[in-house]
Amino acid sequence: MAVSASAQRYATAAFDVAADAGELDQWLTSLDELGRIMRMGSARVVFRSPAVAASDKRAAIDRLLPSASPLLRNFLGILADRDLLVDVPDIAEALRELVNQRRGIVIADITTAIPLDGEMQQVIAQRLGTYLSRDAQRITIRTHLDPNIIGGVVARVGDQVIDDSVRGRLERLRASLTQP
């Protein structure tokens, strides 16, 4: 999912502040939690409403995230003042990408026709690690289901797509048979 340029800028600022304070994981956890809350319709209405004062929004955040660090509370206060709290889910996603880059973690979106158990996810991570010349422990798998691929796996890592699905193989076979 692409995030807005604004969310990316705020995530970069958050990354710099959290990294300097040694609080990256805490910020990720808190922003993910607030992002989950912000996806609820009722919360979006309250935090988006111009009728609700920024100070009330700050107070609500303090109640929702009682263990958040003072730096994070200040950051969220700035977002409240600028009426940008609804962007927290995108900011959290962009921050996670920055943290993963720093830690050398690659996200692999894996699409299969059937759900994968933990063992199969590990096998796929190991094979991707070999294919990408990376440590399999630094590959995080996000699974997606698509019965249209019939069988096999489609892996997307960044801009690279590895299509080892039955559907992909059939399409490649068809293309090779129709070429002169």
C-alpha atoms as a PDB file:
ATOM      1  CA  MET A   1       0.000   0.000   0.000  1.00  0.00           C
ATOM      2  CA  ALA A   2       1.411   3.381  -0.995  1.00  0.00           C
ATOM      3  CA  VAL A   3       1.432   6.089   1.622  1.00  0.00           C
ATOM      4  CA  SER A   4       1.102   9.807   0.999  1.00  0.00           C
ATOM      5  CA  ALA A   5       4.122  12.060   0.748  1.00  0.00           C
ATOM      6  CA  SER A   6       2.954  13.788   3.931  1.00  0.00           C
ATOM      7  CA  ALA A   7       2.779  10.488   5.848  1.00  0.00           C
ATOM      8  CA  GLN A   8       6.241   9.597   4.538  1.00  0.00           C
ATOM      9  CA  ARG A   9       7.673  12.929   5.758  1.00  0.00           C
ATOM     10  CA  TYR A  10       6.166  12.491   9.222  1.00  0.00           C
ATOM     11  CA  ALA A  11       7.383   8.875   9.355  1.00  0.00           C
ATOM     12  CA  THR A  12      10.903  10.033   8.491  1.00  0.00           C
ATOM     13  CA  ALA A  13      10.779  12.631  11.255  1.00  0.00           C
ATOM     14  CA  ALA A  14       9.390  10.035  13.678  1.00  0.00           C
ATOM     15  CA  PHE A  15      12.134   7.611  12.683  1.00  0.00           C
ATOM     16  CA  ASP A  16      14.856  10.177  13.367  1.00  0.00           C
ATOM     17  CA  VAL A  17      13.460  11.117  16.785  1.00  0.00           C
ATOM     18  CA  ALA A  18      12.684   7.534  17.863  1.00  0.00           C
ATOM     19  CA  ALA A  19      16.047   6.215  16.657  1.00  0.00           C
ATOM     20  CA  ASP A  20      17.946   8.944  18.522  1.00  0.00           C
ATOM     21  CA  ALA A  21      15.991   8.120  21.690  1.00  0.00           C
ATOM     22  CA  GLY A  22      16.389   4.342  21.205  1.00  0.00           C
ATOM     23  CA  GLU A  23      12.608   3.954  21.131  1.00  0.00           C
ATOM     24  CA  LEU A  24      11.915   2.560  17.642  1.00  0.00           C
ATOM     25  CA  ASP A  25      10.100  -0.550  18.838  1.00  0.00           C
ATOM     26  CA  GLN A  26       8.016   1.376  21.369  1.00  0.00           C
ATOM     27  CA  TRP A  27       7.000   3.921  18.726  1.00  0.00           C
ATOM     28  CA  LEU A  28       6.083   1.165  16.291  1.00  0.00           C
ATOM     29  CA  THR A  29       3.950  -0.597  18.888  1.00  0.00           C
ATOM     30  CA  SER A  30       2.159   2.566  19.970  1.00  0.00           C
ATOM     31  CA  LEU A  31       1.602   3.866  16.429  1.00  0.00           C
ATOM     32  CA  ASP A  32       0.311   0.455  15.328  1.00  0.00           C
ATOM     33  CA  GLU A  33      -2.128   0.456  18.252  1.00  0.00           C
ATOM     34  CA  LEU A  34      -3.310   3.980  17.533  1.00  0.00           C
ATOM     35  CA  GLY A  35      -3.492   3.113  13.825  1.00  0.00           C
ATOM     36  CA  ARG A  36      -5.733   0.165  14.646  1.00  0.00           C
ATOM     37  CA  ILE A  37      -7.963   2.468  16.667  1.00  0.00           C
ATOM     38  CA  MET A  38      -7.980   5.080  13.900  1.00  0.00           C
ATOM     39  CA  ARG A  39      -9.324   2.490  11.457  1.00  0.00           C
ATOM     40  CA  MET A  40     -12.515   2.327  13.547  1.00  0.00           C
ATOM     41  CA  GLY A  41     -15.208   4.543  12.106  1.00  0.00           C
ATOM     42  CA  SER A  42     -16.181   6.151  15.400  1.00  0.00           C
ATOM     43  CA  ALA A  43     -12.579   7.088  16.205  1.00  0.00           C
ATOM     44  CA  ARG A  44     -12.056   8.556  12.737  1.00  0.00           C
ATOM     45  CA  VAL A  45     -15.135  10.745  13.198  1.00  0.00           C
ATOM     46  CA  VAL A  46     -13.900  12.099  16.531  1.00  0.00           C
ATOM     47  CA  PHE A  47     -10.270  12.617  15.507  1.00  0.00           C
ATOM     48  CA  ARG A  48     -11.208  14.144  12.157  1.00  0.00           C
ATOM     49  CA  SER A  49     -13.869  16.483  13.506  1.00  0.00           C
ATOM     50  CA  PRO A  50     -12.944  20.171  13.569  1.00  0.00           C
ATOM     51  CA  ALA A  51     -15.498  20.541  16.384  1.00  0.00           C
ATOM     52  CA  VAL A  52     -13.206  18.546  18.700  1.00  0.00           C
ATOM     53  CA  ALA A  53     -10.394  20.713  20.022  1.00  0.00           C
ATOM     54  CA  ALA A  54      -6.801  19.604  19.536  1.00  0.00           C
ATOM     55  CA  SER A  55      -6.375  19.609  23.334  1.00  0.00           C
ATOM     56  CA  ASP A  56      -9.268  17.134  23.635  1.00  0.00           C
ATOM     57  CA  LYS A  57      -7.683  14.954  20.961  1.00  0.00           C
ATOM     58  CA  ARG A  58      -4.381  15.062  22.867  1.00  0.00           C
ATOM     59  CA  ALA A  59      -6.183  14.067  26.081  1.00  0.00           C
ATOM     60  CA  ALA A  60      -7.856  11.168  24.271  1.00  0.00           C
ATOM     61  CA  ILE A  61      -4.485   9.979  22.969  1.00  0.00           C
ATOM     62  CA  ASP A  62      -3.055  10.156  26.495  1.00  0.00           C
ATOM     63  CA  ARG A  63      -5.882   7.910  27.707  1.00  0.00           C
ATOM     64  CA  LEU A  64      -5.550   5.522  24.745  1.00  0.00           C
ATOM     65  CA  LEU A  65      -1.752   5.240  24.985  1.00  0.00           C
ATOM     66  CA  PRO A  66      -0.890   5.642  28.663  1.00  0.00           C
ATOM     67  CA  SER A  67       2.558   4.047  28.288  1.00  0.00           C
ATOM     68  CA  ALA A  68       3.652   6.183  25.311  1.00  0.00           C
ATOM     69  CA  SER A  69       6.893   8.074  25.812  1.00  0.00           C
ATOM     70  CA  PRO A  70       6.851  11.868  26.199  1.00  0.00           C
ATOM     71  CA  LEU A  71       8.525  12.201  22.781  1.00  0.00           C
ATOM     72  CA  LEU A  72       5.808  10.136  21.115  1.00  0.00           C
ATOM     73  CA  ARG A  73       3.071  12.068  22.935  1.00  0.00           C
ATOM     74  CA  ASN A  74       4.643  15.302  21.663  1.00  0.00           C
ATOM     75  CA  PHE A  75       4.770  13.911  18.108  1.00  0.00           C
ATOM     76  CA  LEU A  76       1.115  12.858  18.288  1.00  0.00           C
ATOM     77  CA  GLY A  77       0.273  16.264  19.748  1.00  0.00           C
ATOM     78  CA  ILE A  78       1.805  17.905  16.690  1.00  0.00           C
ATOM     79  CA  LEU A  79      -0.324  15.654  14.489  1.00  0.00           C
ATOM     80  CA  ALA A  80      -3.394  16.614  16.542  1.00  0.00           C
ATOM     81  CA  ASP A  81      -2.594  20.323  16.227  1.00  0.00           C
ATOM     82  CA  ARG A  82      -2.259  19.950  12.465  1.00  0.00           C
ATOM     83  CA  ASP A  83      -5.395  17.782  12.224  1.00  0.00           C
ATOM     84  CA  LEU A  84      -3.406  14.843  10.849  1.00  0.00           C
ATOM     85  CA  LEU A  85      -4.232  12.077  13.337  1.00  0.00           C
ATOM     86  CA  VAL A  86      -6.200  10.230  10.651  1.00  0.00           C
ATOM     87  CA  ASP A  87      -2.854   9.712   8.887  1.00  0.00           C
ATOM     88  CA  VAL A  88      -1.454   7.666  11.775  1.00  0.00           C
ATOM     89  CA  PRO A  89      -2.052   4.273  10.055  1.00  0.00           C
ATOM     90  CA  ASP A  90      -0.061   5.426   7.003  1.00  0.00           C
ATOM     91  CA  ILE A  91       2.642   6.998   9.165  1.00  0.00           C
ATOM     92  CA  ALA A  92       2.944   3.745  11.123  1.00  0.00           C
ATOM     93  CA  GLU A  93       3.278   1.758   7.892  1.00  0.00           C
ATOM     94  CA  ALA A  94       5.939   4.102   6.510  1.00  0.00           C
ATOM     95  CA  LEU A  95       7.804   4.046   9.846  1.00  0.00           C
ATOM     96  CA  ARG A  96       7.785   0.237   9.828  1.00  0.00           C
ATOM     97  CA  GLU A  97       9.321   0.266   6.339  1.00  0.00           C
ATOM     98  CA  LEU A  98      12.086   2.620   7.500  1.00  0.00           C
ATOM     99  CA  VAL A  99      12.816   0.466  10.548  1.00  0.00           C
ATOM    100  CA  ASN A 100      12.882  -2.672   8.388  1.00  0.00           C
ATOM    101  CA  GLN A 101      15.331  -1.008   5.991  1.00  0.00           C
ATOM    102  CA  ARG A 102      17.614  -0.069   8.868  1.00  0.00           C
ATOM    103  CA  ARG A 103      17.493  -3.607  10.228  1.00  0.00           C
ATOM    104  CA  GLY A 104      17.968  -5.225   6.812  1.00  0.00           C
ATOM    105  CA  ILE A 105      14.553  -6.882   6.903  1.00  0.00           C
ATOM    106  CA  VAL A 106      12.821  -7.589   3.604  1.00  0.00           C
ATOM    107  CA  ILE A 107       9.042  -7.942   3.335  1.00  0.00           C
ATOM    108  CA  ALA A 108       7.888 -10.648   0.955  1.00  0.00           C
ATOM    109  CA  ASP A 109       4.242 -10.664  -0.082  1.00  0.00           C
ATOM    110  CA  ILE A 110       3.415 -14.296  -0.792  1.00  0.00           C
ATOM    111  CA  THR A 111       0.258 -15.180  -2.688  1.00  0.00           C
ATOM    112  CA  THR A 112      -1.009 -18.757  -2.751  1.00  0.00           C
ATOM    113  CA  ALA A 113      -4.245 -20.493  -3.625  1.00  0.00           C
ATOM    114  CA  ILE A 114      -4.495 -22.073  -0.163  1.00  0.00           C
ATOM    115  CA  PRO A 115      -3.460 -20.874   3.316  1.00  0.00           C
ATOM    116  CA  LEU A 116       0.136 -21.581   4.346  1.00  0.00           C
ATOM    117  CA  ASP A 117       1.053 -23.048   7.707  1.00  0.00           C
ATOM    118  CA  GLY A 118       4.104 -21.856   9.648  1.00  0.00           C
ATOM    119  CA  GLU A 119       6.322 -24.625   8.323  1.00  0.00           C
ATOM    120  CA  MET A 120       5.549 -23.785   4.694  1.00  0.00           C
ATOM    121  CA  GLN A 121       6.187 -20.107   5.373  1.00  0.00           C
ATOM    122  CA  GLN A 122       9.621 -21.014   6.736  1.00  0.00           C
ATOM    123  CA  VAL A 123      10.378 -23.139   3.653  1.00  0.00           C
ATOM    124  CA  ILE A 124       9.358 -20.261   1.384  1.00  0.00           C
ATOM    125  CA  ALA A 125      11.451 -17.790   3.413  1.00  0.00           C
ATOM    126  CA  GLN A 126      14.486 -20.101   3.118  1.00  0.00           C
ATOM    127  CA  ARG A 127      14.057 -20.491  -0.642  1.00  0.00           C
ATOM    128  CA  LEU A 128      13.566 -16.762  -1.091  1.00  0.00           C
ATOM    129  CA  GLY A 129      16.646 -16.151   1.044  1.00  0.00           C
ATOM    130  CA  THR A 130      18.671 -18.387  -1.249  1.00  0.00           C
ATOM    131  CA  TYR A 131      17.204 -16.806  -4.382  1.00  0.00           C
ATOM    132  CA  LEU A 132      17.763 -13.247  -3.116  1.00  0.00           C
ATOM    133  CA  SER A 133      21.134 -14.015  -1.468  1.00  0.00           C
ATOM    134  CA  ARG A 134      19.767 -12.934   1.908  1.00  0.00           C
ATOM    135  CA  ASP A 135      19.484 -14.451   5.342  1.00  0.00           C
ATOM    136  CA  ALA A 136      16.096 -16.173   5.605  1.00  0.00           C
ATOM    137  CA  GLN A 137      15.779 -14.806   9.156  1.00  0.00           C
ATOM    138  CA  ARG A 138      15.661 -11.297   7.675  1.00  0.00           C
ATOM    139  CA  ILE A 139      12.693 -12.075   5.424  1.00  0.00           C
ATOM    140  CA  THR A 140       9.239 -11.363   6.786  1.00  0.00           C
ATOM    141  CA  ILE A 141       6.401 -13.149   5.033  1.00  0.00           C
ATOM    142  CA  ARG A 142       2.993 -11.552   4.505  1.00  0.00           C
ATOM    143  CA  THR A 143       0.540 -14.050   3.071  1.00  0.00           C
ATOM    144  CA  HIS A 144      -2.323 -13.424   0.679  1.00  0.00           C
ATOM    145  CA  LEU A 145      -4.856 -15.818  -0.794  1.00  0.00           C
ATOM    146  CA  ASP A 146      -5.880 -15.868  -4.450  1.00  0.00           C
ATOM    147  CA  PRO A 147      -7.569 -19.044  -5.715  1.00  0.00           C
ATOM    148  CA  ASN A 148      -7.125 -17.770  -9.291  1.00  0.00           C
ATOM    149  CA  ILE A 149      -3.439 -18.702  -9.278  1.00  0.00           C
ATOM    150  CA  ILE A 150      -4.606 -22.353  -9.087  1.00  0.00           C
ATOM    151  CA  GLY A 151      -1.515 -23.542  -7.204  1.00  0.00           C
ATOM    152  CA  GLY A 152       2.100 -22.665  -6.509  1.00  0.00           C
ATOM    153  CA  VAL A 153       3.402 -19.349  -5.228  1.00  0.00           C
ATOM    154  CA  VAL A 154       3.724 -15.756  -6.383  1.00  0.00           C
ATOM    155  CA  ALA A 155       6.286 -13.809  -4.357  1.00  0.00           C
ATOM    156  CA  ARG A 156       6.630 -10.036  -4.498  1.00  0.00           C
ATOM    157  CA  VAL A 157       9.684  -8.503  -2.860  1.00  0.00           C
ATOM    158  CA  GLY A 158       9.824  -4.785  -3.490  1.00  0.00           C
ATOM    159  CA  ASP A 159       9.507  -4.342  -7.248  1.00  0.00           C
ATOM    160  CA  GLN A 160      10.583  -7.904  -8.015  1.00  0.00           C
ATOM    161  CA  VAL A 161       7.934 -10.540  -8.758  1.00  0.00           C
ATOM    162  CA  ILE A 162       8.712 -14.245  -8.753  1.00  0.00           C
ATOM    163  CA  ASP A 163       5.812 -16.125 -10.325  1.00  0.00           C
ATOM    164  CA  ASP A 164       5.969 -19.850  -9.695  1.00  0.00           C
ATOM    165  CA  SER A 165       2.212 -20.337  -9.842  1.00  0.00           C
ATOM    166  CA  VAL A 166       0.388 -22.889 -11.969  1.00  0.00           C
ATOM    167  CA  ARG A 167      -1.464 -20.057 -13.666  1.00  0.00           C
ATOM    168  CA  GLY A 168       1.824 -18.283 -14.443  1.00  0.00           C
ATOM    169  CA  ARG A 169       3.343 -21.464 -15.844  1.00  0.00           C
ATOM    170  CA  LEU A 170       0.285 -22.041 -18.046  1.00  0.00           C
ATOM    171  CA  GLU A 171       0.432 -18.464 -19.326  1.00  0.00           C
ATOM    172  CA  ARG A 172       4.151 -18.801 -20.120  1.00  0.00           C
ATOM    173  CA  LEU A 173       3.502 -22.113 -21.895  1.00  0.00           C
ATOM    174  CA  ARG A 174       0.677 -20.573 -23.913  1.00  0.00           C
ATOM    175  CA  ALA A 175       2.850 -17.612 -24.861  1.00  0.00           C
ATOM    176  CA  SER A 176       5.680 -19.876 -26.001  1.00  0.00           C
ATOM    177  CA  LEU A 177       3.306 -21.975 -28.101  1.00  0.00           C
ATOM    178  CA  THR A 178       1.751 -18.972 -29.831  1.00  0.00           C
ATOM    179  CA  GLN A 179       5.062 -17.312 -30.744  1.00  0.00           C
ATOM    180  CA  PRO A 180       6.241 -17.931 -34.314  1.00  0.00           C
END
